[in-house]
Amino acid sequence: MRTASDRNQLLLKEVNHRVNNSLALVASMLHLKAATVEDDVKVHLDEASHRITAIARAHQRLYQTEMFEKIELGPYLEDICQSFSKSMPNCHLHVSTAAGIEVPPDQAIPVALLVNELITNSAKYGHPNSKCEVWIEVVRADAKISVSVRDKGIGLPPNFESTSHKGLGMRLINAFAAQLGGKLVIRRHAPGVEFVLTFPIGRNEFDPYLGQRR
């Protein structure tokens, strides 16, 4: 049984390693393609590349730490933000999170993708001068985790409603919040806006890739 368990651990590590490499390759191909197309298409390719990179980073952490059931949110989000900053040097990201906040991969990935979408939206719409600054904070209280993403940009339109907004980014944000069984709150500041997602620790009721109930 010990031999079988060790072999399963080795196989899981190898699978995560290969998935990470494959996703990283796809993200690189999209990034290279983005350099050859018009600006409006480039934006979409870069956004797709960021989403794929976020998922790849999760698998990278799984095989590097050999903790296949949990991912520590703080280092994971810091890794995602560092990668984001490299591709968008005018966007300064500040991550603040307590150590030891661990969640299953099927929660960590939607959180990372949600944060990625909020940063992207802030860079595109909240900072028209192309100089972006965003603060990301993660806290845990009992059996719940809150993720805050705030900027000091131009804010939201007066009639903005997150649930009725038809943009892809906002639709994805709402979908990820639903996957996590969480509550998304929007706080308007002067200046800027803050999105706060609070969700219970545990397994999702939805598949993080397909958005379908298990």
C-alpha atoms as a PDB file:
ATOM      1  CA  MET A   1       0.000   0.000   0.000  1.00  0.00           C
ATOM      2  CA  ARG A   2       2.854   2.369   0.752  1.00  0.00           C
ATOM      3  CA  THR A   3       4.410   1.639  -2.641  1.00  0.00           C
ATOM      4  CA  ALA A   4       1.070   2.271  -4.355  1.00  0.00           C
ATOM      5  CA  SER A   5       0.611   5.517  -2.416  1.00  0.00           C
ATOM      6  CA  ASP A   6       4.095   6.712  -3.336  1.00  0.00           C
ATOM      7  CA  ARG A   7       3.446   5.884  -6.975  1.00  0.00           C
ATOM      8  CA  ASN A   8       0.160   7.807  -6.936  1.00  0.00           C
ATOM      9  CA  GLN A   9       1.926  10.831  -5.457  1.00  0.00           C
ATOM     10  CA  LEU A  10       4.562  10.614  -8.175  1.00  0.00           C
ATOM     11  CA  LEU A  11       1.903  10.355 -10.879  1.00  0.00           C
ATOM     12  CA  LEU A  12       0.001  13.347  -9.475  1.00  0.00           C
ATOM     13  CA  LYS A  13       3.191  15.379  -9.441  1.00  0.00           C
ATOM     14  CA  GLU A  14       3.961  14.407 -13.027  1.00  0.00           C
ATOM     15  CA  VAL A  15       0.426  15.205 -14.194  1.00  0.00           C
ATOM     16  CA  ASN A  16       0.499  18.664 -12.607  1.00  0.00           C
ATOM     17  CA  HIS A  17       3.949  19.284 -14.063  1.00  0.00           C
ATOM     18  CA  ARG A  18       2.782  18.398 -17.572  1.00  0.00           C
ATOM     19  CA  VAL A  19      -0.448  20.379 -17.274  1.00  0.00           C
ATOM     20  CA  ASN A  20       1.531  23.403 -16.121  1.00  0.00           C
ATOM     21  CA  ASN A  21       3.958  23.108 -19.030  1.00  0.00           C
ATOM     22  CA  SER A  22       1.150  22.689 -21.563  1.00  0.00           C
ATOM     23  CA  LEU A  23      -0.829  25.670 -20.262  1.00  0.00           C
ATOM     24  CA  ALA A  24       2.311  27.808 -20.075  1.00  0.00           C
ATOM     25  CA  LEU A  25       3.036  26.930 -23.708  1.00  0.00           C
ATOM     26  CA  VAL A  26      -0.474  27.957 -24.799  1.00  0.00           C
ATOM     27  CA  ALA A  27      -0.192  31.237 -22.859  1.00  0.00           C
ATOM     28  CA  SER A  28       3.167  31.963 -24.509  1.00  0.00           C
ATOM     29  CA  MET A  29       1.745  31.263 -27.972  1.00  0.00           C
ATOM     30  CA  LEU A  30      -1.150  33.667 -27.342  1.00  0.00           C
ATOM     31  CA  HIS A  31       1.253  36.302 -26.067  1.00  0.00           C
ATOM     32  CA  LEU A  32       3.462  35.941 -29.158  1.00  0.00           C
ATOM     33  CA  LYS A  33       0.445  36.084 -31.459  1.00  0.00           C
ATOM     34  CA  ALA A  34      -0.762  39.233 -29.692  1.00  0.00           C
ATOM     35  CA  ALA A  35       2.384  41.033 -30.839  1.00  0.00           C
ATOM     36  CA  THR A  36       1.430  40.500 -34.491  1.00  0.00           C
ATOM     37  CA  VAL A  37      -2.192  41.698 -34.564  1.00  0.00           C
ATOM     38  CA  GLU A  38      -4.172  44.924 -34.285  1.00  0.00           C
ATOM     39  CA  ASP A  39      -4.591  46.557 -30.882  1.00  0.00           C
ATOM     40  CA  ASP A  40      -8.243  45.566 -30.398  1.00  0.00           C
ATOM     41  CA  VAL A  41      -7.422  41.886 -31.002  1.00  0.00           C
ATOM     42  CA  LYS A  42      -4.193  42.127 -29.000  1.00  0.00           C
ATOM     43  CA  VAL A  43      -6.128  43.135 -25.877  1.00  0.00           C
ATOM     44  CA  HIS A  44      -8.306  40.014 -26.046  1.00  0.00           C
ATOM     45  CA  LEU A  45      -5.359  37.696 -26.677  1.00  0.00           C
ATOM     46  CA  ASP A  46      -3.423  39.188 -23.760  1.00  0.00           C
ATOM     47  CA  GLU A  47      -6.423  38.764 -21.463  1.00  0.00           C
ATOM     48  CA  ALA A  48      -6.808  35.127 -22.517  1.00  0.00           C
ATOM     49  CA  SER A  49      -3.088  34.604 -21.909  1.00  0.00           C
ATOM     50  CA  HIS A  50      -3.390  36.018 -18.368  1.00  0.00           C
ATOM     51  CA  ARG A  51      -6.300  33.668 -17.575  1.00  0.00           C
ATOM     52  CA  ILE A  52      -4.417  30.619 -18.790  1.00  0.00           C
ATOM     53  CA  THR A  53      -1.300  31.678 -16.894  1.00  0.00           C
ATOM     54  CA  ALA A  54      -3.327  31.928 -13.674  1.00  0.00           C
ATOM     55  CA  ILE A  55      -4.471  28.316 -14.050  1.00  0.00           C
ATOM     56  CA  ALA A  56      -0.980  27.158 -14.991  1.00  0.00           C
ATOM     57  CA  ARG A  57       0.476  28.757 -11.863  1.00  0.00           C
ATOM     58  CA  ALA A  58      -1.890  26.694  -9.720  1.00  0.00           C
ATOM     59  CA  HIS A  59      -0.633  23.439 -11.226  1.00  0.00           C
ATOM     60  CA  GLN A  60       2.935  24.684 -10.874  1.00  0.00           C
ATOM     61  CA  ARG A  61       2.409  25.184  -7.144  1.00  0.00           C
ATOM     62  CA  LEU A  62       0.795  21.777  -6.786  1.00  0.00           C
ATOM     63  CA  TYR A  63       3.786  19.915  -8.180  1.00  0.00           C
ATOM     64  CA  GLN A  64       6.392  22.168  -6.559  1.00  0.00           C
ATOM     65  CA  THR A  65       4.978  21.949  -3.040  1.00  0.00           C
ATOM     66  CA  GLU A  66       3.652  18.367  -3.426  1.00  0.00           C
ATOM     67  CA  MET A  67       0.497  19.482  -1.584  1.00  0.00           C
ATOM     68  CA  PHE A  68      -2.085  18.220  -4.052  1.00  0.00           C
ATOM     69  CA  GLU A  69      -5.166  18.980  -1.960  1.00  0.00           C
ATOM     70  CA  LYS A  70      -4.524  22.602  -0.978  1.00  0.00           C
ATOM     71  CA  ILE A  71      -2.947  25.800  -2.274  1.00  0.00           C
ATOM     72  CA  GLU A  72      -1.855  28.663  -0.045  1.00  0.00           C
ATOM     73  CA  LEU A  73      -3.684  31.707  -1.416  1.00  0.00           C
ATOM     74  CA  GLY A  74      -1.165  34.401  -0.453  1.00  0.00           C
ATOM     75  CA  PRO A  75       1.895  33.154  -2.380  1.00  0.00           C
ATOM     76  CA  TYR A  76      -0.330  32.009  -5.249  1.00  0.00           C
ATOM     77  CA  LEU A  77      -1.903  35.446  -5.747  1.00  0.00           C
ATOM     78  CA  GLU A  78       1.479  37.139  -5.328  1.00  0.00           C
ATOM     79  CA  ASP A  79       2.796  34.894  -8.100  1.00  0.00           C
ATOM     80  CA  ILE A  80      -0.147  35.779 -10.360  1.00  0.00           C
ATOM     81  CA  CYS A  81       0.267  39.507  -9.702  1.00  0.00           C
ATOM     82  CA  GLN A  82       4.002  39.354 -10.344  1.00  0.00           C
ATOM     83  CA  SER A  83       3.351  37.731 -13.708  1.00  0.00           C
ATOM     84  CA  PHE A  84       0.675  40.342 -14.456  1.00  0.00           C
ATOM     85  CA  SER A  85       3.022  43.203 -13.585  1.00  0.00           C
ATOM     86  CA  LYS A  86       5.691  41.876 -15.939  1.00  0.00           C
ATOM     87  CA  SER A  87       3.296  42.011 -18.868  1.00  0.00           C
ATOM     88  CA  MET A  88       1.860  45.387 -17.789  1.00  0.00           C
ATOM     89  CA  PRO A  89       4.742  47.384 -16.257  1.00  0.00           C
ATOM     90  CA  ASN A  90       2.554  50.476 -15.779  1.00  0.00           C
ATOM     91  CA  CYS A  91       0.244  48.552 -13.448  1.00  0.00           C
ATOM     92  CA  HIS A  92       1.486  48.467  -9.836  1.00  0.00           C
ATOM     93  CA  LEU A  93      -0.075  45.733  -7.693  1.00  0.00           C
ATOM     94  CA  HIS A  94       0.082  45.484  -3.910  1.00  0.00           C
ATOM     95  CA  VAL A  95      -0.820  42.140  -2.306  1.00  0.00           C
ATOM     96  CA  SER A  96      -1.525  41.842   1.413  1.00  0.00           C
ATOM     97  CA  THR A  97      -2.507  38.475   2.866  1.00  0.00           C
ATOM     98  CA  ALA A  98      -2.025  36.560   6.080  1.00  0.00           C
ATOM     99  CA  ALA A  99       0.125  33.442   5.968  1.00  0.00           C
ATOM    100  CA  GLY A 100      -1.410  30.005   6.083  1.00  0.00           C
ATOM    101  CA  ILE A 101      -4.708  30.675   4.263  1.00  0.00           C
ATOM    102  CA  GLU A 102      -5.115  27.395   2.370  1.00  0.00           C
ATOM    103  CA  VAL A 103      -7.980  26.312   0.114  1.00  0.00           C
ATOM    104  CA  PRO A 104      -8.581  23.436  -2.322  1.00  0.00           C
ATOM    105  CA  PRO A 105      -7.378  24.002  -5.906  1.00  0.00           C
ATOM    106  CA  ASP A 106     -10.976  24.180  -7.133  1.00  0.00           C
ATOM    107  CA  GLN A 107     -11.393  27.291  -4.986  1.00  0.00           C
ATOM    108  CA  ALA A 108      -7.938  28.789  -5.444  1.00  0.00           C
ATOM    109  CA  ILE A 109      -8.231  28.854  -9.243  1.00  0.00           C
ATOM    110  CA  PRO A 110     -11.580  30.759  -9.405  1.00  0.00           C
ATOM    111  CA  VAL A 111     -10.240  33.234  -6.812  1.00  0.00           C
ATOM    112  CA  ALA A 112      -7.141  33.858  -8.930  1.00  0.00           C
ATOM    113  CA  LEU A 113      -9.200  34.230 -12.097  1.00  0.00           C
ATOM    114  CA  LEU A 114     -11.603  36.630 -10.374  1.00  0.00           C
ATOM    115  CA  VAL A 115      -8.693  38.758  -9.121  1.00  0.00           C
ATOM    116  CA  ASN A 116      -7.176  38.657 -12.605  1.00  0.00           C
ATOM    117  CA  GLU A 117     -10.420  39.938 -14.164  1.00  0.00           C
ATOM    118  CA  LEU A 118     -10.781  42.728 -11.596  1.00  0.00           C
ATOM    119  CA  ILE A 119      -7.208  43.896 -12.177  1.00  0.00           C
ATOM    120  CA  THR A 120      -7.764  43.791 -15.934  1.00  0.00           C
ATOM    121  CA  ASN A 121     -10.978  45.824 -15.632  1.00  0.00           C
ATOM    122  CA  SER A 122      -9.255  48.368 -13.397  1.00  0.00           C
ATOM    123  CA  ALA A 123      -6.400  48.767 -15.872  1.00  0.00           C
ATOM    124  CA  LYS A 124      -8.773  49.103 -18.857  1.00  0.00           C
ATOM    125  CA  TYR A 125     -11.579  51.233 -17.465  1.00  0.00           C
ATOM    126  CA  GLY A 126     -10.494  52.670 -14.121  1.00  0.00           C
ATOM    127  CA  HIS A 127      -7.203  54.130 -15.312  1.00  0.00           C
ATOM    128  CA  PRO A 128      -7.562  55.665 -18.792  1.00  0.00           C
ATOM    129  CA  ASN A 129      -4.083  57.198 -18.506  1.00  0.00           C
ATOM    130  CA  SER A 130      -2.615  53.638 -18.576  1.00  0.00           C
ATOM    131  CA  LYS A 131      -0.996  54.035 -15.140  1.00  0.00           C
ATOM    132  CA  CYS A 132      -2.726  51.550 -12.887  1.00  0.00           C
ATOM    133  CA  GLU A 133      -2.396  50.878  -9.149  1.00  0.00           C
ATOM    134  CA  VAL A 134      -4.416  48.163  -7.395  1.00  0.00           C
ATOM    135  CA  TRP A 135      -4.485  46.803  -3.843  1.00  0.00           C
ATOM    136  CA  ILE A 136      -5.354  43.135  -3.243  1.00  0.00           C
ATOM    137  CA  GLU A 137      -6.062  41.931   0.293  1.00  0.00           C
ATOM    138  CA  VAL A 138      -7.007  38.464   1.564  1.00  0.00           C
ATOM    139  CA  VAL A 139      -8.252  37.842   5.103  1.00  0.00           C
ATOM    140  CA  ARG A 140      -9.778  34.880   6.879  1.00  0.00           C
ATOM    141  CA  ALA A 141     -12.418  35.018   9.613  1.00  0.00           C
ATOM    142  CA  ASP A 142     -13.515  31.671  11.031  1.00  0.00           C
ATOM    143  CA  ALA A 143     -14.666  29.519   8.091  1.00  0.00           C
ATOM    144  CA  LYS A 144     -14.874  32.347   5.544  1.00  0.00           C
ATOM    145  CA  ILE A 145     -12.356  34.130   3.350  1.00  0.00           C
ATOM    146  CA  SER A 146     -12.683  37.681   2.043  1.00  0.00           C
ATOM    147  CA  VAL A 147     -10.805  38.891  -1.021  1.00  0.00           C
ATOM    148  CA  SER A 148     -10.677  42.633  -1.638  1.00  0.00           C
ATOM    149  CA  VAL A 149      -9.523  44.280  -4.875  1.00  0.00           C
ATOM    150  CA  ARG A 150      -9.412  48.085  -4.743  1.00  0.00           C
ATOM    151  CA  ASP A 151      -8.112  50.884  -6.917  1.00  0.00           C
ATOM    152  CA  LYS A 152      -8.114  54.675  -6.792  1.00  0.00           C
ATOM    153  CA  GLY A 153      -9.138  55.224 -10.382  1.00  0.00           C
ATOM    154  CA  ILE A 154     -12.086  57.056 -11.894  1.00  0.00           C
ATOM    155  CA  GLY A 155     -14.622  54.699 -10.324  1.00  0.00           C
ATOM    156  CA  LEU A 156     -17.792  53.191 -11.788  1.00  0.00           C
ATOM    157  CA  PRO A 157     -20.569  54.880 -13.755  1.00  0.00           C
ATOM    158  CA  PRO A 158     -23.485  56.045 -11.535  1.00  0.00           C
ATOM    159  CA  ASN A 159     -25.869  53.508 -13.081  1.00  0.00           C
ATOM    160  CA  PHE A 160     -23.473  50.550 -12.931  1.00  0.00           C
ATOM    161  CA  GLU A 161     -25.059  47.243 -11.878  1.00  0.00           C
ATOM    162  CA  SER A 162     -22.747  44.240 -11.650  1.00  0.00           C
ATOM    163  CA  THR A 163     -25.457  41.655 -12.299  1.00  0.00           C
ATOM    164  CA  SER A 164     -26.811  43.369 -15.408  1.00  0.00           C
ATOM    165  CA  HIS A 165     -23.486  44.397 -16.947  1.00  0.00           C
ATOM    166  CA  LYS A 166     -22.985  42.578 -20.257  1.00  0.00           C
ATOM    167  CA  GLY A 167     -19.195  42.862 -20.538  1.00  0.00           C
ATOM    168  CA  LEU A 168     -17.299  39.560 -20.579  1.00  0.00           C
ATOM    169  CA  GLY A 169     -15.080  40.554 -17.656  1.00  0.00           C
ATOM    170  CA  MET A 170     -17.996  41.294 -15.320  1.00  0.00           C
ATOM    171  CA  ARG A 171     -19.854  38.185 -16.433  1.00  0.00           C
ATOM    172  CA  LEU A 172     -16.802  36.089 -15.602  1.00  0.00           C
ATOM    173  CA  ILE A 173     -16.419  37.811 -12.219  1.00  0.00           C
ATOM    174  CA  ASN A 174     -20.034  36.990 -11.324  1.00  0.00           C
ATOM    175  CA  ALA A 175     -19.572  33.421 -12.567  1.00  0.00           C
ATOM    176  CA  PHE A 176     -16.471  32.870 -10.416  1.00  0.00           C
ATOM    177  CA  ALA A 177     -18.243  34.323  -7.364  1.00  0.00           C
ATOM    178  CA  ALA A 178     -21.134  31.914  -7.980  1.00  0.00           C
ATOM    179  CA  GLN A 179     -18.749  28.963  -8.358  1.00  0.00           C
ATOM    180  CA  LEU A 180     -17.312  29.780  -4.942  1.00  0.00           C
ATOM    181  CA  GLY A 181     -20.757  30.126  -3.376  1.00  0.00           C
ATOM    182  CA  GLY A 182     -19.683  33.620  -2.350  1.00  0.00           C
ATOM    183  CA  LYS A 183     -21.141  37.096  -2.035  1.00  0.00           C
ATOM    184  CA  LEU A 184     -19.721  39.933  -4.111  1.00  0.00           C
ATOM    185  CA  VAL A 185     -20.023  43.456  -2.697  1.00  0.00           C
ATOM    186  CA  ILE A 186     -19.085  46.665  -4.538  1.00  0.00           C
ATOM    187  CA  ARG A 187     -17.958  49.649  -2.482  1.00  0.00           C
ATOM    188  CA  ARG A 188     -17.591  53.041  -4.119  1.00  0.00           C
ATOM    189  CA  HIS A 189     -14.782  55.205  -2.793  1.00  0.00           C
ATOM    190  CA  ALA A 190     -13.572  58.708  -3.492  1.00  0.00           C
ATOM    191  CA  PRO A 191     -11.567  58.030  -5.522  1.00  0.00           C
ATOM    192  CA  GLY A 192     -11.880  54.524  -6.902  1.00  0.00           C
ATOM    193  CA  VAL A 193     -13.869  51.376  -6.280  1.00  0.00           C
ATOM    194  CA  GLU A 194     -13.470  48.211  -4.238  1.00  0.00           C
ATOM    195  CA  PHE A 195     -14.798  44.724  -4.972  1.00  0.00           C
ATOM    196  CA  VAL A 196     -15.048  42.402  -1.963  1.00  0.00           C
ATOM    197  CA  LEU A 197     -15.769  38.686  -2.372  1.00  0.00           C
ATOM    198  CA  THR A 198     -16.580  36.638   0.735  1.00  0.00           C
ATOM    199  CA  PHE A 199     -16.913  32.878   0.415  1.00  0.00           C
ATOM    200  CA  PRO A 200     -16.937  29.820   2.705  1.00  0.00           C
ATOM    201  CA  ILE A 201     -13.913  27.523   2.834  1.00  0.00           C
ATOM    202  CA  GLY A 202     -14.711  24.151   1.312  1.00  0.00           C
ATOM    203  CA  ARG A 203     -15.304  22.457  -1.964  1.00  0.00           C
ATOM    204  CA  ASN A 204     -17.165  24.217  -4.756  1.00  0.00           C
ATOM    205  CA  GLU A 205     -20.618  23.231  -5.903  1.00  0.00           C
ATOM    206  CA  PHE A 206     -19.468  24.091  -9.426  1.00  0.00           C
ATOM    207  CA  ASP A 207     -16.682  22.889 -11.639  1.00  0.00           C
ATOM    208  CA  PRO A 208     -14.048  25.689 -11.783  1.00  0.00           C
ATOM    209  CA  TYR A 209     -13.440  25.170 -15.501  1.00  0.00           C
ATOM    210  CA  LEU A 210     -16.952  24.550 -16.824  1.00  0.00           C
ATOM    211  CA  GLY A 211     -19.101  26.432 -14.325  1.00  0.00           C
ATOM    212  CA  GLN A 212     -21.418  23.419 -13.985  1.00  0.00           C
ATOM    213  CA  ARG A 213     -22.806  21.902 -10.819  1.00  0.00           C
ATOM    214  CA  ARG A 214     -20.971  18.755  -9.767  1.00  0.00           C
END
